């Protein structure tokens, strides 16, 4: 009698595990499909830029600024996620890799406030 209960218990555990495996597999497959869709979308977004070819803006990335202005004459790290890029006497303030402000003292920055 005891072996019968053990046998029934083992059978029920095995049948539960096989169902869970099927559910997990379909869940993983749906996640993989979503991941592929997100990767495709990300690759499409990488091709787009947030700048005009002539100017950078508040909110542009550091790469956008360098694409428009070229390499800065110098830069200074002002905080953990903040930098200040110098182009002559003019400067561009960067926080978390985005332009938050600029000072165009020499009128040499190709910058606009709005797109």
PDB file of N, CA and C in Angstrom:
ATOM      1  N   UNK A   1       0.819  -1.186   0.000  1.00  0.00           N
ATOM      2  CA  UNK A   1       0.000   0.000   0.000  1.00  0.00           C
ATOM      3  C   UNK A   1       0.869   1.260   0.000  1.00  0.00           C
ATOM      4  N   UNK A   2       1.931   1.201   0.802  1.00  0.00           N
ATOM      5  CA  UNK A   2       2.825   2.343   0.894  1.00  0.00           C
ATOM      6  C   UNK A   2       3.528   2.587  -0.447  1.00  0.00           C
ATOM      7  N   UNK A   3       3.920   1.526  -1.107  1.00  0.00           N
ATOM      8  CA  UNK A   3       4.589   1.667  -2.398  1.00  0.00           C
ATOM      9  C   UNK A   3       3.617   2.212  -3.448  1.00  0.00           C
ATOM     10  N   UNK A   4       2.336   1.901  -3.318  1.00  0.00           N
ATOM     11  CA  UNK A   4       1.328   2.433  -4.241  1.00  0.00           C
ATOM     12  C   UNK A   4       1.262   3.951  -4.127  1.00  0.00           C
ATOM     13  N   UNK A   5       1.251   4.496  -2.896  1.00  0.00           N
ATOM     14  CA  UNK A   5       1.210   5.942  -2.700  1.00  0.00           C
ATOM     15  C   UNK A   5       2.475   6.616  -3.228  1.00  0.00           C
ATOM     16  N   UNK A   6       3.580   5.965  -3.024  1.00  0.00           N
ATOM     17  CA  UNK A   6       4.845   6.504  -3.534  1.00  0.00           C
ATOM     18  C   UNK A   6       4.801   6.547  -5.063  1.00  0.00           C
ATOM     19  N   UNK A   7       4.297   5.503  -5.661  1.00  0.00           N
ATOM     20  CA  UNK A   7       4.198   5.442  -7.114  1.00  0.00           C
ATOM     21  C   UNK A   7       3.250   6.520  -7.644  1.00  0.00           C
ATOM     22  N   UNK A   8       2.109   6.710  -6.999  1.00  0.00           N
ATOM     23  CA  UNK A   8       1.138   7.739  -7.404  1.00  0.00           C
ATOM     24  C   UNK A   8       1.753   9.125  -7.220  1.00  0.00           C
ATOM     25  N   UNK A   9       2.437   9.322  -6.125  1.00  0.00           N
ATOM     26  CA  UNK A   9       3.080  10.613  -5.859  1.00  0.00           C
ATOM     27  C   UNK A   9       4.119  10.924  -6.932  1.00  0.00           C
ATOM     28  N   UNK A  10       4.963   9.976  -7.255  1.00  0.00           N
ATOM     29  CA  UNK A  10       5.998  10.177  -8.276  1.00  0.00           C
ATOM     30  C   UNK A  10       5.368  10.472  -9.629  1.00  0.00           C
ATOM     31  N   UNK A  11       4.329   9.744  -9.966  1.00  0.00           N
ATOM     32  CA  UNK A  11       3.647   9.968 -11.242  1.00  0.00           C
ATOM     33  C   UNK A  11       3.051  11.378 -11.311  1.00  0.00           C
ATOM     34  N   UNK A  12       2.425  11.829 -10.224  1.00  0.00           N
ATOM     35  CA  UNK A  12       1.817  13.166 -10.222  1.00  0.00           C
ATOM     36  C   UNK A  12       2.889  14.257 -10.297  1.00  0.00           C
ATOM     37  N   UNK A  13       4.019  14.038  -9.632  1.00  0.00           N
ATOM     38  CA  UNK A  13       5.113  15.008  -9.701  1.00  0.00           C
ATOM     39  C   UNK A  13       5.656  15.082 -11.115  1.00  0.00           C
ATOM     40  N   UNK A  14       5.868  13.945 -11.731  1.00  0.00           N
ATOM     41  CA  UNK A  14       6.390  13.917 -13.099  1.00  0.00           C
ATOM     42  C   UNK A  14       5.416  14.555 -14.077  1.00  0.00           C
ATOM     43  N   UNK A  15       4.123  14.294 -13.911  1.00  0.00           N
ATOM     44  CA  UNK A  15       3.151  14.882 -14.838  1.00  0.00           C
ATOM     45  C   UNK A  15       3.068  16.394 -14.637  1.00  0.00           C
ATOM     46  N   UNK A  16       3.180  16.868 -13.413  1.00  0.00           N
ATOM     47  CA  UNK A  16       3.182  18.314 -13.157  1.00  0.00           C
ATOM     48  C   UNK A  16       4.419  18.967 -13.763  1.00  0.00           C
ATOM     49  N   UNK A  17       5.555  18.327 -13.607  1.00  0.00           N
ATOM     50  CA  UNK A  17       6.798  18.890 -14.143  1.00  0.00           C
ATOM     51  C   UNK A  17       6.768  18.966 -15.658  1.00  0.00           C
ATOM     52  N   UNK A  18       6.186  17.967 -16.323  1.00  0.00           N
ATOM     53  CA  UNK A  18       6.152  18.002 -17.783  1.00  0.00           C
ATOM     54  C   UNK A  18       5.249  19.133 -18.274  1.00  0.00           C
ATOM     55  N   UNK A  19       4.148  19.420 -17.584  1.00  0.00           N
ATOM     56  CA  UNK A  19       3.279  20.539 -17.968  1.00  0.00           C
ATOM     57  C   UNK A  19       3.983  21.865 -17.740  1.00  0.00           C
ATOM     58  N   UNK A  20       4.659  22.004 -16.612  1.00  0.00           N
ATOM     59  CA  UNK A  20       5.380  23.245 -16.341  1.00  0.00           C
ATOM     60  C   UNK A  20       6.473  23.485 -17.369  1.00  0.00           C
ATOM     61  N   UNK A  21       7.113  22.426 -17.817  1.00  0.00           N
ATOM     62  CA  UNK A  21       8.155  22.560 -18.825  1.00  0.00           C
ATOM     63  C   UNK A  21       7.596  23.102 -20.127  1.00  0.00           C
ATOM     64  N   UNK A  22       6.408  22.665 -20.502  1.00  0.00           N
ATOM     65  CA  UNK A  22       5.777  23.156 -21.723  1.00  0.00           C
ATOM     66  C   UNK A  22       5.401  24.622 -21.574  1.00  0.00           C
ATOM     67  N   UNK A  23       4.887  24.984 -20.424  1.00  0.00           N
ATOM     68  CA  UNK A  23       4.520  26.381 -20.178  1.00  0.00           C
ATOM     69  C   UNK A  23       5.775  27.249 -20.190  1.00  0.00           C
ATOM     70  N   UNK A  24       6.812  26.817 -19.536  1.00  0.00           N
ATOM     71  CA  UNK A  24       8.047  27.582 -19.491  1.00  0.00           C
ATOM     72  C   UNK A  24       8.640  27.739 -20.886  1.00  0.00           C
ATOM     73  N   UNK A  25       8.588  26.687 -21.693  1.00  0.00           N
ATOM     74  CA  UNK A  25       9.145  26.736 -23.035  1.00  0.00           C
ATOM     75  C   UNK A  25       8.406  27.754 -23.895  1.00  0.00           C
ATOM     76  N   UNK A  26       7.090  27.776 -23.844  1.00  0.00           N
ATOM     77  CA  UNK A  26       6.328  28.748 -24.635  1.00  0.00           C
ATOM     78  C   UNK A  26       6.576  30.166 -24.127  1.00  0.00           C
ATOM     79  N   UNK A  27       6.722  30.303 -22.820  1.00  0.00           N
ATOM     80  CA  UNK A  27       7.011  31.618 -22.243  1.00  0.00           C
ATOM     81  C   UNK A  27       8.376  32.111 -22.710  1.00  0.00           C
ATOM     82  N   UNK A  28       9.358  31.239 -22.690  1.00  0.00           N
ATOM     83  CA  UNK A  28      10.702  31.595 -23.145  1.00  0.00           C
ATOM     84  C   UNK A  28      10.694  31.949 -24.620  1.00  0.00           C
ATOM     85  N   UNK A  29       9.960  31.188 -25.432  1.00  0.00           N
ATOM     86  CA  UNK A  29       9.878  31.472 -26.866  1.00  0.00           C
ATOM     87  C   UNK A  29       9.259  32.838 -27.115  1.00  0.00           C
ATOM     88  N   UNK A  30       8.218  33.198 -26.357  1.00  0.00           N
ATOM     89  CA  UNK A  30       7.595  34.515 -26.540  1.00  0.00           C
ATOM     90  C   UNK A  30       8.561  35.624 -26.112  1.00  0.00           C
ATOM     91  N   UNK A  31       9.335  35.376 -25.068  1.00  0.00           N
ATOM     92  CA  UNK A  31      10.329  36.368 -24.661  1.00  0.00           C
ATOM     93  C   UNK A  31      11.417  36.534 -25.717  1.00  0.00           C
ATOM     94  N   UNK A  32      11.818  35.432 -26.345  1.00  0.00           N
ATOM     95  CA  UNK A  32      12.818  35.510 -27.403  1.00  0.00           C
ATOM     96  C   UNK A  32      12.301  36.310 -28.592  1.00  0.00           C
ATOM     97  N   UNK A  33      11.032  36.130 -28.936  1.00  0.00           N
ATOM     98  CA  UNK A  33      10.436  36.894 -30.031  1.00  0.00           C
ATOM     99  C   UNK A  33      10.390  38.376 -29.694  1.00  0.00           C
ATOM    100  N   UNK A  34      10.016  38.693 -28.469  1.00  0.00           N
ATOM    101  CA  UNK A  34       9.989  40.095 -28.048  1.00  0.00           C
ATOM    102  C   UNK A  34      11.385  40.684 -28.063  1.00  0.00           C
ATOM    103  N   UNK A  35      12.369  39.906 -27.629  1.00  0.00           N
ATOM    104  CA  UNK A  35      13.754  40.366 -27.618  1.00  0.00           C
ATOM    105  C   UNK A  35      14.239  40.667 -29.034  1.00  0.00           C
ATOM    106  N   UNK A  36      13.914  39.801 -29.991  1.00  0.00           N
ATOM    107  CA  UNK A  36      14.304  40.030 -31.385  1.00  0.00           C
ATOM    108  C   UNK A  36      13.649  41.294 -31.933  1.00  0.00           C
ATOM    109  N   UNK A  37      12.387  41.510 -31.598  1.00  0.00           N
ATOM    110  CA  UNK A  37      11.684  42.711 -32.056  1.00  0.00           C
ATOM    111  C   UNK A  37      12.324  43.965 -31.469  1.00  0.00           C
ATOM    112  N   UNK A  38      12.696  43.919 -30.191  1.00  0.00           N
ATOM    113  CA  UNK A  38      13.350  45.062 -29.551  1.00  0.00           C
ATOM    114  C   UNK A  38      14.733  45.318 -30.146  1.00  0.00           C
ATOM    115  N   UNK A  39      15.475  44.259 -30.454  1.00  0.00           N
ATOM    116  CA  UNK A  39      16.787  44.423 -31.076  1.00  0.00           C
ATOM    117  C   UNK A  39      16.661  45.080 -32.443  1.00  0.00           C
ATOM    118  N   UNK A  40      15.661  44.673 -33.218  1.00  0.00           N
ATOM    119  CA  UNK A  40      15.425  45.277 -34.529  1.00  0.00           C
ATOM    120  C   UNK A  40      15.093  46.759 -34.386  1.00  0.00           C
ATOM    121  N   UNK A  41      14.220  47.075 -33.434  1.00  0.00           N
ATOM    122  CA  UNK A  41      13.846  48.473 -33.205  1.00  0.00           C
ATOM    123  C   UNK A  41      15.049  49.297 -32.755  1.00  0.00           C
ATOM    124  N   UNK A  42      15.872  48.735 -31.889  1.00  0.00           N
ATOM    125  CA  UNK A  42      17.061  49.440 -31.411  1.00  0.00           C
ATOM    126  C   UNK A  42      18.030  49.707 -32.554  1.00  0.00           C
ATOM    127  N   UNK A  43      18.231  48.727 -33.416  1.00  0.00           N
ATOM    128  CA  UNK A  43      19.122  48.921 -34.558  1.00  0.00           C
ATOM    129  C   UNK A  43      18.602  49.997 -35.499  1.00  0.00           C
ATOM    130  N   UNK A  44      17.286  50.078 -35.668  1.00  0.00           N
ATOM    131  CA  UNK A  44      16.707  51.136 -36.496  1.00  0.00           C
ATOM    132  C   UNK A  44      16.931  52.502 -35.855  1.00  0.00           C
ATOM    133  N   UNK A  45      16.788  52.582 -34.533  1.00  0.00           N
ATOM    134  CA  UNK A  45      16.979  53.853 -33.835  1.00  0.00           C
ATOM    135  C   UNK A  45      18.439  54.295 -33.853  1.00  0.00           C
ATOM    136  N   UNK A  46      19.365  53.336 -33.853  1.00  0.00           N
ATOM    137  CA  UNK A  46      20.779  53.690 -33.891  1.00  0.00           C
ATOM    138  C   UNK A  46      21.129  54.417 -35.179  1.00  0.00           C
ATOM    139  N   UNK A  47      20.419  54.098 -36.249  1.00  0.00           N
ATOM    140  CA  UNK A  47      20.677  54.741 -37.528  1.00  0.00           C
ATOM    141  C   UNK A  47      20.191  56.179 -37.567  1.00  0.00           C
ATOM    142  N   UNK A  48      19.265  56.512 -36.684  1.00  0.00           N
ATOM    143  CA  UNK A  48      18.733  57.877 -36.647  1.00  0.00           C
ATOM    144  C   UNK A  48      19.556  58.707 -35.681  1.00  0.00           C
ATOM    145  N   UNK A  49      19.676  59.985 -35.948  1.00  0.00           N
ATOM    146  CA  UNK A  49      20.443  60.862 -35.074  1.00  0.00           C
ATOM    147  C   UNK A  49      19.550  61.970 -34.561  1.00  0.00           C
ATOM    148  N   UNK A  50      19.861  62.514 -33.425  1.00  0.00           N
ATOM    149  CA  UNK A  50      19.042  63.560 -32.832  1.00  0.00           C
ATOM    150  C   UNK A  50      19.525  64.947 -33.213  1.00  0.00           C
ATOM    151  N   UNK A  51      20.409  65.045 -34.196  1.00  0.00           N
ATOM    152  CA  UNK A  51      20.953  66.349 -34.551  1.00  0.00           C
ATOM    153  C   UNK A  51      20.693  66.678 -36.007  1.00  0.00           C
ATOM    154  N   UNK A  52      20.740  67.938 -36.280  1.00  0.00           N
ATOM    155  CA  UNK A  52      20.854  68.410 -37.646  1.00  0.00           C
ATOM    156  C   UNK A  52      22.331  68.286 -37.975  1.00  0.00           C
ATOM    157  N   UNK A  53      22.684  68.253 -39.220  1.00  0.00           N
ATOM    158  CA  UNK A  53      24.098  68.133 -39.567  1.00  0.00           C
ATOM    159  C   UNK A  53      24.858  69.417 -39.269  1.00  0.00           C
ATOM    160  N   UNK A  54      24.134  70.515 -39.040  1.00  0.00           N
ATOM    161  CA  UNK A  54      24.790  71.804 -38.854  1.00  0.00           C
ATOM    162  C   UNK A  54      24.854  72.281 -37.403  1.00  0.00           C
ATOM    163  N   UNK A  55      23.992  71.764 -36.547  1.00  0.00           N
ATOM    164  CA  UNK A  55      23.892  72.279 -35.190  1.00  0.00           C
ATOM    165  C   UNK A  55      23.694  71.159 -34.180  1.00  0.00           C
ATOM    166  N   UNK A  56      24.017  71.461 -32.911  1.00  0.00           N
ATOM    167  CA  UNK A  56      23.599  70.594 -31.813  1.00  0.00           C
ATOM    168  C   UNK A  56      22.645  71.403 -30.951  1.00  0.00           C
ATOM    169  N   UNK A  57      21.910  70.716 -30.101  1.00  0.00           N
ATOM    170  CA  UNK A  57      20.842  71.336 -29.323  1.00  0.00           C
ATOM    171  C   UNK A  57      20.926  70.924 -27.862  1.00  0.00           C
ATOM    172  N   UNK A  58      20.179  71.622 -27.024  1.00  0.00           N
ATOM    173  CA  UNK A  58      19.993  71.166 -25.646  1.00  0.00           C
ATOM    174  C   UNK A  58      19.313  69.800 -25.752  1.00  0.00           C
ATOM    175  N   UNK A  59      19.892  68.807 -25.112  1.00  0.00           N
ATOM    176  CA  UNK A  59      19.367  67.446 -25.187  1.00  0.00           C
ATOM    177  C   UNK A  59      20.142  66.562 -26.143  1.00  0.00           C
ATOM    178  N   UNK A  60      21.008  67.144 -26.985  1.00  0.00           N
ATOM    179  CA  UNK A  60      21.839  66.335 -27.876  1.00  0.00           C
ATOM    180  C   UNK A  60      22.834  65.523 -27.061  1.00  0.00           C
ATOM    181  N   UNK A  61      23.333  64.457 -27.645  1.00  0.00           N
ATOM    182  CA  UNK A  61      24.321  63.628 -26.964  1.00  0.00           C
ATOM    183  C   UNK A  61      25.725  64.193 -27.177  1.00  0.00           C
ATOM    184  N   UNK A  62      26.673  63.689 -26.411  1.00  0.00           N
ATOM    185  CA  UNK A  62      28.073  64.093 -26.568  1.00  0.00           C
ATOM    186  C   UNK A  62      28.549  63.755 -27.976  1.00  0.00           C
ATOM    187  N   UNK A  63      28.155  62.601 -28.478  1.00  0.00           N
ATOM    188  CA  UNK A  63      28.541  62.210 -29.835  1.00  0.00           C
ATOM    189  C   UNK A  63      27.994  63.186 -30.867  1.00  0.00           C
ATOM    190  N   UNK A  64      26.778  63.701 -30.633  1.00  0.00           N
ATOM    191  CA  UNK A  64      26.202  64.692 -31.545  1.00  0.00           C
ATOM    192  C   UNK A  64      27.036  65.970 -31.552  1.00  0.00           C
ATOM    193  N   UNK A  65      27.443  66.418 -30.372  1.00  0.00           N
ATOM    194  CA  UNK A  65      28.252  67.632 -30.263  1.00  0.00           C
ATOM    195  C   UNK A  65      29.572  67.445 -31.000  1.00  0.00           C
ATOM    196  N   UNK A  66      30.223  66.327 -30.784  1.00  0.00           N
ATOM    197  CA  UNK A  66      31.512  66.075 -31.425  1.00  0.00           C
ATOM    198  C   UNK A  66      31.342  65.939 -32.936  1.00  0.00           C
ATOM    199  N   UNK A  67      30.227  65.375 -33.390  1.00  0.00           N
ATOM    200  CA  UNK A  67      29.973  65.262 -34.825  1.00  0.00           C
ATOM    201  C   UNK A  67      29.841  66.641 -35.467  1.00  0.00           C
ATOM    202  N   UNK A  68      29.242  67.586 -34.755  1.00  0.00           N
ATOM    203  CA  UNK A  68      29.048  68.938 -35.281  1.00  0.00           C
ATOM    204  C   UNK A  68      30.294  69.793 -35.086  1.00  0.00           C
ATOM    205  N   UNK A  69      30.880  69.750 -33.898  1.00  0.00           N
ATOM    206  CA  UNK A  69      31.958  70.674 -33.533  1.00  0.00           C
ATOM    207  C   UNK A  69      33.357  70.093 -33.701  1.00  0.00           C
ATOM    208  N   UNK A  70      33.471  68.799 -33.752  1.00  0.00           N
ATOM    209  CA  UNK A  70      34.785  68.175 -33.728  1.00  0.00           C
ATOM    210  C   UNK A  70      35.214  67.953 -32.281  1.00  0.00           C
ATOM    211  N   UNK A  71      36.402  67.435 -32.119  1.00  0.00           N
ATOM    212  CA  UNK A  71      36.920  67.184 -30.771  1.00  0.00           C
ATOM    213  C   UNK A  71      37.090  68.508 -30.026  1.00  0.00           C
ATOM    214  N   UNK A  72      36.747  68.535 -28.733  1.00  0.00           N
ATOM    215  CA  UNK A  72      36.924  69.779 -27.970  1.00  0.00           C
ATOM    216  C   UNK A  72      38.401  70.083 -27.749  1.00  0.00           C
ATOM    217  N   UNK A  73      38.687  71.372 -27.521  1.00  0.00           N
ATOM    218  CA  UNK A  73      40.067  71.767 -27.207  1.00  0.00           C
ATOM    219  C   UNK A  73      40.510  71.138 -25.896  1.00  0.00           C
ATOM    220  N   UNK A  74      39.577  71.080 -24.949  1.00  0.00           N
ATOM    221  CA  UNK A  74      39.832  70.428 -23.665  1.00  0.00           C
ATOM    222  C   UNK A  74      38.486  70.134 -23.018  1.00  0.00           C
ATOM    223  N   UNK A  75      38.530  69.420 -21.896  1.00  0.00           N
ATOM    224  CA  UNK A  75      37.302  69.160 -21.153  1.00  0.00           C
ATOM    225  C   UNK A  75      37.651  69.015 -19.682  1.00  0.00           C
ATOM    226  N   UNK A  76      36.617  69.126 -18.856  1.00  0.00           N
ATOM    227  CA  UNK A  76      36.804  68.999 -17.414  1.00  0.00           C
ATOM    228  C   UNK A  76      35.656  68.153 -16.867  1.00  0.00           C
ATOM    229  N   UNK A  77      35.996  67.182 -16.034  1.00  0.00           N
ATOM    230  CA  UNK A  77      34.985  66.395 -15.339  1.00  0.00           C
ATOM    231  C   UNK A  77      34.594  67.195 -14.105  1.00  0.00           C
ATOM    232  N   UNK A  78      33.327  67.606 -14.042  1.00  0.00           N
ATOM    233  CA  UNK A  78      32.888  68.464 -12.945  1.00  0.00           C
ATOM    234  C   UNK A  78      32.143  67.722 -11.851  1.00  0.00           C
ATOM    235  N   UNK A  79      31.638  66.535 -12.168  1.00  0.00           N
ATOM    236  CA  UNK A  79      30.956  65.672 -11.198  1.00  0.00           C
ATOM    237  C   UNK A  79      30.976  64.263 -11.766  1.00  0.00           C
ATOM    238  N   UNK A  80      30.401  63.333 -11.044  1.00  0.00           N
ATOM    239  CA  UNK A  80      30.471  61.943 -11.479  1.00  0.00           C
ATOM    240  C   UNK A  80      29.925  61.744 -12.892  1.00  0.00           C
ATOM    241  N   UNK A  81      28.802  62.349 -13.213  1.00  0.00           N
ATOM    242  CA  UNK A  81      28.200  62.180 -14.535  1.00  0.00           C
ATOM    243  C   UNK A  81      28.170  63.484 -15.330  1.00  0.00           C
ATOM    244  N   UNK A  82      28.999  64.438 -14.956  1.00  0.00           N
ATOM    245  CA  UNK A  82      28.972  65.749 -15.606  1.00  0.00           C
ATOM    246  C   UNK A  82      30.341  66.105 -16.168  1.00  0.00           C
ATOM    247  N   UNK A  83      30.311  66.746 -17.337  1.00  0.00           N
ATOM    248  CA  UNK A  83      31.536  67.214 -17.986  1.00  0.00           C
ATOM    249  C   UNK A  83      31.287  68.584 -18.579  1.00  0.00           C
ATOM    250  N   UNK A  84      32.367  69.261 -18.830  1.00  0.00           N
ATOM    251  CA  UNK A  84      32.310  70.553 -19.496  1.00  0.00           C
ATOM    252  C   UNK A  84      33.304  70.495 -20.645  1.00  0.00           C
ATOM    253  N   UNK A  85      32.803  70.634 -21.874  1.00  0.00           N
ATOM    254  CA  UNK A  85      33.651  70.611 -23.055  1.00  0.00           C
ATOM    255  C   UNK A  85      33.998  72.048 -23.431  1.00  0.00           C
ATOM    256  N   UNK A  86      35.258  72.297 -23.735  1.00  0.00           N
ATOM    257  CA  UNK A  86      35.705  73.641 -24.099  1.00  0.00           C
ATOM    258  C   UNK A  86      36.048  73.707 -25.574  1.00  0.00           C
ATOM    259  N   UNK A  87      35.500  74.689 -26.243  1.00  0.00           N
ATOM    260  CA  UNK A  87      35.840  75.037 -27.617  1.00  0.00           C
ATOM    261  C   UNK A  87      36.279  76.495 -27.579  1.00  0.00           C
ATOM    262  N   UNK A  88      37.573  76.701 -27.490  1.00  0.00           N
ATOM    263  CA  UNK A  88      38.071  78.054 -27.250  1.00  0.00           C
ATOM    264  C   UNK A  88      37.606  78.493 -25.879  1.00  0.00           C
ATOM    265  N   UNK A  89      36.997  79.686 -25.804  1.00  0.00           N
ATOM    266  CA  UNK A  89      36.466  80.174 -24.529  1.00  0.00           C
ATOM    267  C   UNK A  89      35.016  79.746 -24.318  1.00  0.00           C
ATOM    268  N   UNK A  90      34.397  79.190 -25.343  1.00  0.00           N
ATOM    269  CA  UNK A  90      33.020  78.711 -25.237  1.00  0.00           C
ATOM    270  C   UNK A  90      33.015  77.328 -24.594  1.00  0.00           C
ATOM    271  N   UNK A  91      31.899  76.979 -23.962  1.00  0.00           N
ATOM    272  CA  UNK A  91      31.834  75.675 -23.313  1.00  0.00           C
ATOM    273  C   UNK A  91      30.443  75.064 -23.446  1.00  0.00           C
ATOM    274  N   UNK A  92      30.439  73.742 -23.396  1.00  0.00           N
ATOM    275  CA  UNK A  92      29.206  72.962 -23.488  1.00  0.00           C
ATOM    276  C   UNK A  92      29.124  72.121 -22.218  1.00  0.00           C
ATOM    277  N   UNK A  93      28.005  72.226 -21.507  1.00  0.00           N
ATOM    278  CA  UNK A  93      27.807  71.499 -20.262  1.00  0.00           C
ATOM    279  C   UNK A  93      27.061  70.192 -20.543  1.00  0.00           C
ATOM    280  N   UNK A  94      27.638  69.095 -20.103  1.00  0.00           N
ATOM    281  CA  UNK A  94      27.102  67.766 -20.340  1.00  0.00           C
ATOM    282  C   UNK A  94      26.748  67.124 -19.003  1.00  0.00           C
ATOM    283  N   UNK A  95      25.555  66.538 -18.936  1.00  0.00           N
ATOM    284  CA  UNK A  95      25.169  65.761 -17.761  1.00  0.00           C
ATOM    285  C   UNK A  95      24.516  64.473 -18.257  1.00  0.00           C
ATOM    286  N   UNK A  96      24.987  63.340 -17.791  1.00  0.00           N
ATOM    287  CA  UNK A  96      24.518  62.020 -18.198  1.00  0.00           C
ATOM    288  C   UNK A  96      24.525  61.900 -19.726  1.00  0.00           C
ATOM    289  N   UNK A  97      25.629  62.348 -20.326  1.00  0.00           N
ATOM    290  CA  UNK A  97      25.870  62.273 -21.773  1.00  0.00           C
ATOM    291  C   UNK A  97      24.893  63.077 -22.616  1.00  0.00           C
ATOM    292  N   UNK A  98      24.226  64.072 -22.038  1.00  0.00           N
ATOM    293  CA  UNK A  98      23.320  64.953 -22.780  1.00  0.00           C
ATOM    294  C   UNK A  98      23.709  66.409 -22.522  1.00  0.00           C
ATOM    295  N   UNK A  99      23.534  67.256 -23.539  1.00  0.00           N
ATOM    296  CA  UNK A  99      23.794  68.687 -23.391  1.00  0.00           C
ATOM    297  C   UNK A  99      22.696  69.290 -22.525  1.00  0.00           C
ATOM    298  N   UNK A 100      23.106  69.977 -21.451  1.00  0.00           N
ATOM    299  CA  UNK A 100      22.119  70.645 -20.601  1.00  0.00           C
ATOM    300  C   UNK A 100      22.221  72.161 -20.712  1.00  0.00           C
ATOM    301  N   UNK A 101      23.382  72.671 -21.191  1.00  0.00           N
ATOM    302  CA  UNK A 101      23.565  74.116 -21.347  1.00  0.00           C
ATOM    303  C   UNK A 101      24.834  74.354 -22.155  1.00  0.00           C
ATOM    304  N   UNK A 102      24.982  75.593 -22.628  1.00  0.00           N
ATOM    305  CA  UNK A 102      26.220  75.977 -23.289  1.00  0.00           C
ATOM    306  C   UNK A 102      26.436  77.472 -23.131  1.00  0.00           C
ATOM    307  N   UNK A 103      27.686  77.886 -23.173  1.00  0.00           N
ATOM    308  CA  UNK A 103      28.075  79.297 -23.140  1.00  0.00           C
ATOM    309  C   UNK A 103      28.848  79.571 -24.422  1.00  0.00           C
ATOM    310  N   UNK A 104      28.271  80.394 -25.284  1.00  0.00           N
ATOM    311  CA  UNK A 104      28.868  80.662 -26.579  1.00  0.00           C
ATOM    312  C   UNK A 104      29.605  82.005 -26.528  1.00  0.00           C
ATOM    313  N   UNK A 105      30.651  82.093 -25.716  1.00  0.00           N
ATOM    314  CA  UNK A 105      31.359  83.350 -25.484  1.00  0.00           C
ATOM    315  C   UNK A 105      32.077  83.859 -26.732  1.00  0.00           C
ATOM    316  N   UNK A 106      32.600  82.980 -27.544  1.00  0.00           N
ATOM    317  CA  UNK A 106      33.316  83.389 -28.762  1.00  0.00           C
ATOM    318  C   UNK A 106      32.416  83.346 -29.992  1.00  0.00           C
ATOM    319  N   UNK A 107      31.142  83.006 -29.788  1.00  0.00           N
ATOM    320  CA  UNK A 107      30.187  82.865 -30.881  1.00  0.00           C
ATOM    321  C   UNK A 107      30.678  81.844 -31.914  1.00  0.00           C
ATOM    322  N   UNK A 108      31.334  80.804 -31.442  1.00  0.00           N
ATOM    323  CA  UNK A 108      31.891  79.773 -32.315  1.00  0.00           C
ATOM    324  C   UNK A 108      31.156  78.445 -32.231  1.00  0.00           C
ATOM    325  N   UNK A 109      30.207  78.325 -31.309  1.00  0.00           N
ATOM    326  CA  UNK A 109      29.464  77.070 -31.182  1.00  0.00           C
ATOM    327  C   UNK A 109      28.343  77.010 -32.216  1.00  0.00           C
ATOM    328  N   UNK A 110      28.209  75.876 -32.827  1.00  0.00           N
ATOM    329  CA  UNK A 110      27.111  75.642 -33.766  1.00  0.00           C
ATOM    330  C   UNK A 110      25.968  75.026 -32.975  1.00  0.00           C
ATOM    331  N   UNK A 111      25.332  75.860 -32.153  1.00  0.00           N
ATOM    332  CA  UNK A 111      24.331  75.383 -31.205  1.00  0.00           C
ATOM    333  C   UNK A 111      23.048  76.173 -31.356  1.00  0.00           C
ATOM    334  N   UNK A 112      21.945  75.497 -31.100  1.00  0.00           N
ATOM    335  CA  UNK A 112      20.623  76.121 -31.077  1.00  0.00           C
ATOM    336  C   UNK A 112      19.906  75.604 -29.828  1.00  0.00           C
ATOM    337  N   UNK A 113      19.012  76.417 -29.321  1.00  0.00           N
ATOM    338  CA  UNK A 113      18.260  76.020 -28.132  1.00  0.00           C
ATOM    339  C   UNK A 113      17.200  74.996 -28.495  1.00  0.00           C
ATOM    340  N   UNK A 114      16.505  75.197 -29.614  1.00  0.00           N
ATOM    341  CA  UNK A 114      15.440  74.278 -30.038  1.00  0.00           C
ATOM    342  C   UNK A 114      15.736  73.767 -31.437  1.00  0.00           C
ATOM    343  N   UNK A 115      15.161  72.609 -31.724  1.00  0.00           N
ATOM    344  CA  UNK A 115      15.277  72.038 -33.082  1.00  0.00           C
ATOM    345  C   UNK A 115      14.381  72.783 -34.029  1.00  0.00           C
TER     346      UNK A 115
END
